Every structure is written in C-alpha cells, then in structure tokens.
Amino acid sequence: MKKLFSLLMMFILAIGVGWAATKTETFNFVGWQFDGASSWTTTYEAHTVEGSAATVVFASANKQSNGQNITDCPVTKGGNVTVSLKNMNTDTITGVTIVLKQWGTKTQTVTLNVSNDGQTFTATTEKSSNFSLTATGLSTKAVRFTFSSSSNQVGIQSIEITYNTTGAPTVAKPTISGTTPFKESTEVSITAAEGAEIRYNTRNVDPDPVNDDYWVLYSEPFTITSTTTVKAVAVVNGVRSDVTTKVFEKTPTQTLPYSSLTSADEFAQFEINNEELGELNYVWNWDSHGYAKASAYVSGSAHATESWLISPYINLTDATNPVLSFSHVVNKFTDLASAKENATLWIREQGSTQWDQLTIPDYSTNSDWTFVDTEVAIADYIGKTVEIGFKYTSTTNNAGTWEI
C-alpha cells in the first residue's frame, strides 16, 4: 500500500494538482497573416477563422481594396462577428477583448452578446463606441459582437478570449536552464516533474510536440555554440504540457570596422523597440532600395512616435581605437535643427538600462536625399560590450524621414 501511495503521489506531482486551467487565445487580424486570409476578397462574404480553442465567424466582411479607409484588417459593415468555443463540454469563456478600427469620424457602437450553446444569443449591457470593448467575469460558451449600423464600416484588428478548461489533467511545464547570453558555448539542461517524459527541439517550431519528428526525447544536458531557441514539453501518459521556450543568445564578437547594416538579413538582427507608435504599425523598416528607413509620415499625416533601432551586441574587449561609421540622410523634417533633435545616436553597456547620447558630427541638409558619411569615436567603451541605438522621434506636426 505504501508503494502504491508513492507511485500515486509521483503521478499527481507530474500531472499537477489542478484539473482546470485558465488560458488565452488571441486572433490577430492586422496584416492579413492569419490562415485563410488569402481567400478574402473585396466582396462582403461570410468567412471563418480557426483557432486552437475557438472559431471566429464573420457573418459578412471583406478585404478593402487599396485606396479605401481600412486596408490592414478585415472590415465588416454591420455584419456580426461570433467567437465560439470548439469544446463546449469542458471550456468556458471568462473574458473577451475586441479591438476595432473605426472609419474616420463615423463610429460604430459594438454590443456584446453571449450564448451557452452557440446558437441562441442574448445581448448584454456591455457596449462601446470607443476603439475596443473588454468584458470580464463571463461564463459563456460563445460571444457575438453586433454593431449599431449596417452602413458604417468598422475594422476588426484583434480578438482575445480568456477561457477555463476542465475535465482533463494538466501537466506542469518543464524548466530550461543554461547561461544566456553566452560568449563561446553554454550547456543546456531541461528538468520536469518526476515521472514526466521530456521532449525538446532547437528549430524554433511549434507543431505537435509528441508526434513530430522535430521533437526529440531529452536524456541529458547538451551544448550549443550559436544563438538558439530551445523549446520543450513534458508528457505524462500521453498528456503534454504547454511549451516552455528559452532563447540562448550568443554575444557576437566583432572585428572593427563593424559593418552590420547593409542587407535585409542584417537588419533582421537588429532589435526594434517601439516606445510610442500611436495608430501606426511600425516606424523602422528595411527599404527595398537597400537601407534602414524610419518615418512616421503615413497617408498624408504626421504621427507622434518614438522608435529605436538597436544593434546586436558589439564586443570591444580587444578594440584599440573603435570608431562607429555610417552613412545617413535626413529629410522632410521642419528644419535641420529639428532633424538633429529627432534623429539621434545612443550607446549603452550590456546589462545596463542607461543610454548615453553620442554626438553625430555630420548630417545631410534636410532638403534632398543625398547620403553623408559620418564617424563617431567610441573609445570610452573599450573593454566593454555595447549596443548602438538609432533613436527616431516625431510629432503630429513634424514627422521627417531618416535613412541609414
């Protein structure tokens, strides 16, 4: 009996004491990257978008053509939008948020409706004529959003549901350990509750972890020597945990001069930190003409933004006279003085949150697209590992362009 009790306790620890879990599922429609987006046309039609736990049905929606008001997400003209749980026996929606894109000054009022069977819906008192509606404390199997007008367009940017799932045991996620960032190599180990099988991959993929060939059985620690994303799950009696993800970043050691922004692939290694975007989706992007470009002037309007383009780490341990060199052009700011205030250069040490501003000695004239070369000495940072930050800012009255 004692042995049986010990085995039972091992199983409980591996599975987890709870038989219920709170989860979220987000449907992001901005950018048309969701499954089935290619089938949308400019004709108002019914469309279905499948998620893992829920299904979104647009009663009548379309993909606006270029030149119209809302082109970056699905548009409905009074047609309702319904989110239904796939497993109504075990899952319950407890909260929901819908983010809208109103058409100019013509606003829609959205009303939340709920249903316990996915067929019959009852309107709630939750209404909003703002850009979003959030409701919590729900206990329903499906929600439907209805709109006040069948003539005014409204874009659906995203829908997020929070739901409780019961009736099946949950498995505790594994823990991935190892040093990050690292210089040459790091040893990675993965642990889980006793009795759980661990499977992992280093390909940064998310198919079925138990059956897919990308996932291998973990047996002992392993060594990685380059920047790698490690994903792992724990499996008990065929029930798997959620995925644990950890990125192990190798600190790059560069030999100066450090030329790292000459292609789209190199641009992808830079981090973009958007402190403020307003209504924009991005400020920095890689231009097809072969340079990084920052602009907050879109569709004839200037927007207030702050966005950083941050380099990978640069190791100055063995540097003797480090100099940062780049070519750039500023244009379309209100004047050259404001261009210098809104297109600035910064540096910080690895592990620090404090940025130090560097002076850019050479700017273009702010009157044409002629690039100028400039050099900035960074000898004060010899022996350190640093990041370079290109900071772009703008206002609703002044949104120029900076190309690097």
Protein backbone atom coordinates (compact mmCIF):
# COMPACT_ATOMS: atom_id res chain seq x y z
CA MET A 1 0.00 0.00 0.00
CA LYS A 2 2.86 2.39 0.82
CA LYS A 3 4.47 1.73 -2.56
CA LEU A 4 1.16 2.32 -4.34
CA PHE A 5 0.70 5.60 -2.46
CA SER A 6 4.21 6.74 -3.51
CA LEU A 7 3.53 5.96 -7.16
CA LEU A 8 0.23 7.85 -6.95
CA MET A 9 1.95 10.90 -5.47
CA MET A 10 4.59 10.85 -8.24
CA PHE A 11 1.81 10.84 -10.83
CA ILE A 12 0.00 13.73 -9.10
CA LEU A 13 3.20 15.80 -8.97
CA ALA A 14 3.89 15.23 -12.65
CA ILE A 15 0.33 15.94 -13.74
CA GLY A 16 -0.32 18.84 -11.36
CA VAL A 17 -2.88 19.05 -8.58
CA GLY A 18 -5.34 21.12 -10.62
CA TRP A 19 -7.75 19.73 -13.17
CA ALA A 20 -8.58 23.15 -14.52
CA ALA A 21 -6.53 25.77 -16.28
CA THR A 22 -7.05 29.36 -17.39
CA LYS A 23 -5.80 30.07 -20.89
CA THR A 24 -5.99 32.79 -23.52
CA GLU A 25 -6.28 32.70 -27.28
CA THR A 26 -5.63 35.72 -29.47
CA PHE A 27 -6.78 36.23 -33.04
CA ASN A 28 -4.64 38.96 -34.63
CA PHE A 29 -6.09 40.10 -37.95
CA VAL A 30 -3.82 43.09 -38.65
CA GLY A 31 -1.51 42.45 -41.59
CA TRP A 32 -3.55 39.56 -43.04
CA GLN A 33 -1.18 36.91 -41.70
CA PHE A 34 -3.83 34.54 -40.36
CA ASP A 35 -4.76 31.24 -42.03
CA GLY A 36 -7.23 31.63 -44.86
CA ALA A 37 -6.57 35.36 -45.34
CA SER A 38 -5.66 34.77 -48.99
CA SER A 39 -9.27 33.79 -49.76
CA TRP A 40 -10.71 37.15 -48.67
CA THR A 41 -11.94 39.48 -51.42
CA THR A 42 -13.42 42.96 -51.66
CA THR A 43 -16.90 41.41 -51.74
CA TYR A 44 -18.76 41.20 -48.43
CA GLU A 45 -18.97 37.47 -47.64
CA ALA A 46 -19.07 35.06 -44.70
CA HIS A 47 -15.61 33.99 -43.51
CA THR A 48 -14.34 31.59 -40.84
CA VAL A 49 -11.00 31.78 -38.99
CA GLU A 50 -9.97 28.72 -36.98
CA GLY A 51 -8.02 28.91 -33.73
CA SER A 52 -6.85 26.14 -31.42
CA ALA A 53 -9.64 26.54 -28.85
CA ALA A 54 -12.19 28.71 -30.65
CA THR A 55 -13.57 29.64 -34.06
CA VAL A 56 -14.30 33.17 -35.30
CA VAL A 57 -17.09 33.58 -37.85
CA PHE A 58 -17.61 36.83 -39.76
CA ALA A 59 -21.22 36.97 -40.95
CA SER A 60 -20.35 39.48 -43.67
CA ALA A 61 -16.89 41.00 -44.06
CA ASN A 62 -14.33 41.82 -46.72
CA LYS A 63 -10.79 42.88 -47.54
CA GLN A 64 -10.84 46.53 -48.60
CA SER A 65 -9.03 47.44 -51.80
CA ASN A 66 -6.13 49.89 -51.88
CA GLY A 67 -7.22 53.49 -51.55
CA GLN A 68 -10.04 52.77 -49.13
CA ASN A 69 -10.11 53.70 -45.47
CA ILE A 70 -9.33 50.40 -43.74
CA THR A 71 -6.99 48.06 -45.61
CA ASP A 72 -4.85 46.39 -42.93
CA CYS A 73 -7.55 44.22 -41.31
CA PRO A 74 -10.98 42.67 -42.05
CA VAL A 75 -13.87 45.10 -42.44
CA THR A 76 -17.50 44.47 -41.55
CA LYS A 77 -20.45 46.65 -42.47
CA GLY A 78 -22.83 45.80 -39.66
CA GLY A 79 -22.27 42.06 -40.04
CA ASN A 80 -21.86 40.37 -36.67
CA VAL A 81 -18.71 38.56 -35.52
CA THR A 82 -19.06 35.38 -33.46
CA VAL A 83 -16.44 33.56 -31.36
CA SER A 84 -17.44 30.00 -30.36
CA LEU A 85 -15.50 27.51 -28.27
CA LYS A 86 -14.65 24.29 -30.05
CA ASN A 87 -15.09 22.21 -26.91
CA MET A 88 -18.18 23.49 -25.14
CA ASN A 89 -18.26 20.48 -22.81
CA THR A 90 -15.06 21.36 -20.99
CA ASP A 91 -14.26 25.00 -21.85
CA THR A 92 -15.88 28.25 -20.66
CA ILE A 93 -15.16 31.81 -21.85
CA THR A 94 -14.46 34.07 -18.85
CA GLY A 95 -13.28 37.23 -20.58
CA VAL A 96 -13.04 38.83 -24.01
CA THR A 97 -11.46 41.88 -25.67
CA ILE A 98 -12.13 43.12 -29.21
CA VAL A 99 -10.01 45.91 -30.72
CA LEU A 100 -11.67 47.89 -33.52
CA LYS A 101 -10.56 50.32 -36.19
CA GLN A 102 -13.26 52.94 -36.67
CA TRP A 103 -13.86 54.54 -40.06
CA GLY A 104 -12.87 58.18 -39.71
CA THR A 105 -15.39 60.08 -37.59
CA LYS A 106 -18.20 57.62 -38.32
CA THR A 107 -18.14 55.44 -35.23
CA GLN A 108 -19.90 52.16 -34.60
CA THR A 109 -21.30 51.08 -31.26
CA VAL A 110 -20.43 47.45 -30.58
CA THR A 111 -22.57 45.32 -28.24
CA LEU A 112 -21.50 42.07 -26.59
CA ASN A 113 -23.87 39.08 -26.82
CA VAL A 114 -23.42 35.75 -25.02
CA SER A 115 -24.62 32.20 -25.59
CA ASN A 116 -24.44 28.90 -23.73
CA ASP A 117 -24.98 26.76 -26.83
CA GLY A 118 -23.51 28.80 -29.68
CA GLN A 119 -26.95 29.15 -31.26
CA THR A 120 -29.12 31.46 -29.15
CA PHE A 121 -27.50 34.75 -28.13
CA THR A 122 -28.57 37.31 -25.54
CA ALA A 123 -27.40 40.93 -25.61
CA THR A 124 -25.54 42.16 -22.51
CA THR A 125 -25.16 45.67 -21.15
CA GLU A 126 -21.55 45.72 -22.34
CA LYS A 127 -21.35 48.34 -25.11
CA SER A 128 -18.62 50.55 -26.50
CA SER A 129 -18.33 53.25 -29.13
CA ASN A 130 -14.60 53.51 -28.44
CA PHE A 131 -11.87 51.56 -30.22
CA SER A 132 -12.21 48.47 -28.03
CA LEU A 133 -14.56 46.56 -25.76
CA THR A 134 -13.39 44.43 -22.82
CA ALA A 135 -15.58 42.24 -20.64
CA THR A 136 -14.55 40.06 -17.71
CA GLY A 137 -16.34 37.81 -15.26
CA LEU A 138 -18.16 35.97 -18.05
CA SER A 139 -19.31 32.36 -18.01
CA THR A 140 -20.36 31.52 -21.54
CA LYS A 141 -19.63 29.18 -24.44
CA ALA A 142 -19.75 31.74 -27.26
CA VAL A 143 -19.76 35.51 -27.69
CA ARG A 144 -21.09 37.60 -30.54
CA PHE A 145 -20.34 41.22 -31.38
CA THR A 146 -23.12 43.18 -33.06
CA PHE A 147 -22.86 46.69 -34.47
CA SER A 148 -25.18 49.67 -34.40
CA SER A 149 -25.15 50.42 -38.12
CA SER A 150 -25.22 48.40 -41.32
CA SER A 151 -23.77 51.28 -43.34
CA ASN A 152 -20.67 52.39 -41.44
CA GLN A 153 -17.54 50.29 -41.88
CA VAL A 154 -15.51 49.04 -38.91
CA GLY A 155 -12.25 47.13 -38.96
CA ILE A 156 -11.62 44.15 -36.66
CA GLN A 157 -7.97 44.35 -35.53
CA SER A 158 -7.91 41.58 -32.91
CA ILE A 159 -9.99 39.43 -30.59
CA GLU A 160 -8.67 37.82 -27.41
CA ILE A 161 -10.59 35.38 -25.21
CA THR A 162 -9.74 34.10 -21.75
CA TYR A 163 -11.21 30.69 -21.02
CA ASN A 164 -11.20 28.00 -18.38
CA THR A 165 -10.71 24.43 -19.49
CA THR A 166 -11.62 21.49 -17.25
CA GLY A 167 -12.13 17.75 -17.45
CA ALA A 168 -8.60 16.83 -18.41
CA PRO A 169 -5.44 16.76 -16.28
CA THR A 170 -2.83 19.44 -16.85
CA VAL A 171 0.89 18.71 -16.98
CA ALA A 172 3.39 21.11 -15.43
CA LYS A 173 5.71 22.83 -17.92
CA PRO A 174 9.40 21.84 -17.85
CA THR A 175 12.23 24.22 -16.89
CA ILE A 176 15.05 25.04 -19.32
CA SER A 177 18.35 26.10 -17.73
CA GLY A 178 21.59 27.49 -19.13
CA THR A 179 23.58 30.71 -19.39
CA THR A 180 22.34 33.46 -21.69
CA PRO A 181 23.80 35.49 -23.16
CA PHE A 182 26.98 33.43 -23.56
CA LYS A 183 30.31 34.00 -25.28
CA GLU A 184 31.56 30.69 -26.73
CA SER A 185 29.14 27.95 -25.64
CA THR A 186 26.64 27.06 -22.95
CA GLU A 187 25.28 23.80 -21.56
CA VAL A 188 21.51 23.44 -21.66
CA SER A 189 19.62 21.24 -19.21
CA ILE A 190 15.88 20.57 -19.00
CA THR A 191 14.01 19.35 -15.93
CA ALA A 192 10.40 18.36 -15.27
CA ALA A 193 8.35 16.77 -12.53
CA GLU A 194 9.31 13.22 -11.63
CA GLY A 195 7.69 10.68 -13.92
CA ALA A 196 7.36 13.08 -16.87
CA GLU A 197 8.97 12.43 -20.25
CA ILE A 198 10.69 15.48 -21.76
CA ARG A 199 10.77 16.26 -25.47
CA TYR A 200 12.54 19.26 -26.99
CA ASN A 201 13.67 20.89 -30.23
CA THR A 202 16.19 23.56 -31.25
CA ARG A 203 14.46 24.51 -34.53
CA ASN A 204 12.01 27.02 -33.02
CA VAL A 205 8.93 25.21 -34.35
CA ASP A 206 5.53 24.64 -32.74
CA PRO A 207 3.79 21.64 -34.32
CA ASP A 208 2.52 18.68 -32.28
CA PRO A 209 5.46 18.14 -29.89
CA VAL A 210 4.67 14.47 -29.21
CA ASN A 211 4.34 13.18 -32.77
CA ASP A 212 6.51 15.47 -34.86
CA ASP A 213 9.99 14.34 -35.87
CA TYR A 214 11.47 17.74 -34.99
CA TRP A 215 10.98 16.95 -31.31
CA VAL A 216 13.47 14.56 -29.71
CA LEU A 217 13.49 12.75 -26.39
CA TYR A 218 15.63 14.55 -23.80
CA SER A 219 18.05 12.32 -21.89
CA GLU A 220 20.99 14.50 -20.82
CA PRO A 221 22.31 18.09 -20.98
CA PHE A 222 23.58 19.28 -24.36
CA THR A 223 25.86 22.09 -25.57
CA ILE A 224 25.03 24.87 -28.01
CA THR A 225 27.55 27.22 -29.63
CA SER A 226 25.33 29.69 -31.50
CA THR A 227 22.20 31.73 -30.80
CA THR A 228 19.46 29.10 -30.40
CA THR A 229 15.81 28.92 -29.38
CA VAL A 230 15.10 25.84 -27.27
CA LYS A 231 11.52 24.59 -26.80
CA ALA A 232 10.44 21.77 -24.52
CA VAL A 233 7.34 19.98 -23.25
CA ALA A 234 6.66 17.44 -20.51
CA VAL A 235 4.48 14.41 -21.33
CA VAL A 236 2.68 12.17 -18.84
CA ASN A 237 0.50 9.29 -20.07
CA GLY A 238 0.02 10.98 -23.44
CA VAL A 239 -0.95 14.34 -21.88
CA ARG A 240 1.52 17.09 -22.68
CA SER A 241 2.26 20.41 -21.03
CA ASP A 242 2.31 23.81 -22.64
CA VAL A 243 5.57 24.67 -24.41
CA THR A 244 8.46 26.21 -22.48
CA THR A 245 10.65 28.46 -24.65
CA LYS A 246 14.05 29.94 -23.88
CA VAL A 247 16.33 31.86 -26.22
CA PHE A 248 20.07 31.40 -25.69
CA GLU A 249 21.84 34.36 -27.28
CA LYS A 250 25.50 34.26 -28.22
CA THR A 251 27.20 37.60 -27.71
CA PRO A 252 28.77 38.38 -31.07
CA THR A 253 32.46 39.21 -31.12
CA GLN A 254 33.11 41.62 -33.96
CA THR A 255 36.34 42.85 -35.54
CA LEU A 256 36.09 46.57 -36.25
CA PRO A 257 35.20 48.20 -38.54
CA TYR A 258 31.81 46.73 -37.70
CA SER A 259 29.65 46.71 -40.85
CA SER A 260 26.29 45.27 -39.90
CA LEU A 261 23.52 47.19 -41.64
CA THR A 262 23.92 46.53 -45.34
CA SER A 263 21.20 43.97 -46.06
CA ALA A 264 17.72 42.88 -45.01
CA ASP A 265 19.20 39.83 -43.26
CA GLU A 266 21.48 42.05 -41.16
CA PHE A 267 18.60 44.44 -40.45
CA ALA A 268 16.64 41.46 -39.09
CA GLN A 269 19.36 41.00 -36.43
CA PHE A 270 18.62 44.46 -35.03
CA GLU A 271 16.01 44.95 -32.30
CA ILE A 272 13.21 47.46 -32.83
CA ASN A 273 11.89 48.99 -29.61
CA ASN A 274 8.70 50.99 -30.18
CA GLU A 275 8.15 53.28 -27.20
CA GLU A 276 5.24 55.03 -28.95
CA LEU A 277 3.51 54.16 -32.24
CA GLY A 278 0.11 55.84 -31.99
CA GLU A 279 -2.03 54.45 -34.79
CA LEU A 280 0.95 53.17 -36.82
CA ASN A 281 2.05 49.57 -37.12
CA TYR A 282 5.75 50.37 -37.47
CA VAL A 283 8.27 53.18 -37.90
CA TRP A 284 11.51 51.35 -38.84
CA ASN A 285 11.68 49.01 -41.82
CA TRP A 286 14.17 47.78 -44.42
CA ASP A 287 13.62 49.70 -47.63
CA SER A 288 13.85 47.81 -50.92
CA HIS A 289 16.47 50.32 -52.11
CA GLY A 290 18.90 48.94 -49.53
CA TYR A 291 18.80 50.91 -46.29
CA ALA A 292 17.04 51.10 -42.93
CA LYS A 293 14.30 53.72 -43.00
CA ALA A 294 12.34 55.44 -40.23
CA SER A 295 9.30 57.58 -40.97
CA ALA A 296 6.07 58.47 -39.18
CA TYR A 297 4.52 60.32 -42.10
CA VAL A 298 1.80 58.00 -43.45
CA SER A 299 -1.09 58.65 -45.82
CA GLY A 300 -0.56 62.39 -45.72
CA SER A 301 -0.47 62.67 -41.93
CA ALA A 302 2.30 63.09 -39.36
CA HIS A 303 2.17 60.89 -36.24
CA ALA A 304 3.75 61.24 -32.80
CA THR A 305 6.21 58.36 -32.29
CA GLU A 306 9.39 57.20 -30.57
CA SER A 307 11.09 54.16 -32.05
CA TRP A 308 14.59 52.71 -31.53
CA LEU A 309 16.68 50.62 -33.92
CA ILE A 310 19.14 48.76 -31.68
CA SER A 311 22.22 46.91 -32.93
CA PRO A 312 23.35 43.44 -31.81
CA TYR A 313 25.95 43.44 -29.05
CA ILE A 314 29.40 44.66 -30.13
CA ASN A 315 32.34 43.27 -28.17
CA LEU A 316 35.02 45.93 -27.68
CA THR A 317 37.19 43.80 -25.39
CA ASP A 318 40.18 43.78 -27.76
CA ALA A 319 39.49 47.08 -29.51
CA THR A 320 42.24 49.71 -29.61
CA ASN A 321 40.63 52.66 -31.40
CA PRO A 322 36.96 51.83 -32.07
CA VAL A 323 35.08 54.14 -34.45
CA LEU A 324 31.41 53.85 -35.45
CA SER A 325 30.96 54.73 -39.13
CA PHE A 326 27.69 55.00 -41.04
CA SER A 327 26.01 56.80 -43.93
CA HIS A 328 22.68 58.50 -43.42
CA VAL A 329 20.29 61.12 -44.71
CA VAL A 330 17.57 63.18 -43.01
CA ASN A 331 14.82 64.89 -44.97
CA LYS A 332 11.30 66.30 -44.64
CA PHE A 333 11.72 67.49 -41.05
CA THR A 334 10.54 71.06 -40.48
CA ASP A 335 14.17 72.22 -40.47
CA LEU A 336 17.68 70.87 -39.99
CA ALA A 337 17.73 71.78 -36.29
CA SER A 338 14.64 69.68 -35.60
CA ALA A 339 16.09 66.85 -37.70
CA LYS A 340 19.10 66.78 -35.39
CA GLU A 341 16.76 66.66 -32.37
CA ASN A 342 14.63 63.84 -33.77
CA ALA A 343 17.33 61.61 -35.35
CA THR A 344 19.82 60.86 -32.59
CA LEU A 345 22.50 58.29 -31.75
CA TRP A 346 22.93 56.45 -28.42
CA ILE A 347 25.10 53.77 -26.81
CA ARG A 348 24.80 51.59 -23.69
CA GLU A 349 26.73 48.82 -22.00
CA GLN A 350 25.43 45.27 -21.95
CA GLY A 351 23.18 44.70 -18.93
CA SER A 352 22.54 48.41 -18.39
CA THR A 353 19.26 50.26 -18.88
CA GLN A 354 21.03 53.63 -19.18
CA TRP A 355 21.62 55.02 -22.66
CA ASP A 356 24.37 57.62 -23.29
CA GLN A 357 23.88 60.00 -26.20
CA LEU A 358 26.60 60.24 -28.84
CA THR A 359 27.03 63.33 -30.99
CA ILE A 360 26.55 62.82 -34.73
CA PRO A 361 29.04 65.25 -36.30
CA ASP A 362 27.64 65.17 -39.84
CA TYR A 363 24.03 65.47 -41.01
CA SER A 364 22.64 65.92 -44.51
CA THR A 365 20.93 69.19 -45.45
CA ASN A 366 17.33 68.05 -44.77
CA SER A 367 16.49 69.24 -48.29
CA ASP A 368 17.35 66.27 -50.54
CA TRP A 369 18.14 62.52 -50.44
CA THR A 370 21.93 62.72 -50.62
CA PHE A 371 23.60 60.45 -48.07
CA VAL A 372 26.51 61.73 -45.99
CA ASP A 373 29.21 59.69 -44.24
CA THR A 374 29.97 60.24 -40.58
CA GLU A 375 32.25 58.78 -37.91
CA VAL A 376 31.84 58.70 -34.14
CA ALA A 377 34.68 57.71 -31.80
CA ILE A 378 33.63 55.27 -29.05
CA ALA A 379 37.00 54.75 -27.36
CA ASP A 380 35.41 55.40 -23.96
CA TYR A 381 33.83 51.95 -24.24
CA ILE A 382 36.98 49.90 -24.87
CA GLY A 383 36.86 46.66 -22.92
CA LYS A 384 33.07 46.63 -22.81
CA THR A 385 30.25 45.03 -24.77
CA VAL A 386 27.82 47.63 -26.09
CA GLU A 387 24.71 48.24 -28.16
CA ILE A 388 24.21 51.13 -30.58
CA GLY A 389 20.75 52.76 -30.65
CA PHE A 390 19.37 54.88 -33.50
CA LYS A 391 16.50 56.84 -31.93
CA TYR A 392 13.79 58.33 -34.14
CA THR A 393 11.12 60.66 -32.74
CA SER A 394 8.32 62.67 -34.36
CA THR A 395 5.25 64.74 -33.55
CA THR A 396 1.92 65.35 -35.23
CA ASN A 397 3.45 68.49 -36.73
CA ASN A 398 6.90 67.19 -37.59
CA ALA A 399 7.50 63.68 -38.95
CA GLY A 400 10.51 63.54 -41.22
CA THR A 401 12.43 60.60 -42.66
CA TRP A 402 15.75 59.11 -41.51
CA GLU A 403 17.56 56.61 -43.73
CA ILE A 404 20.72 54.74 -42.64
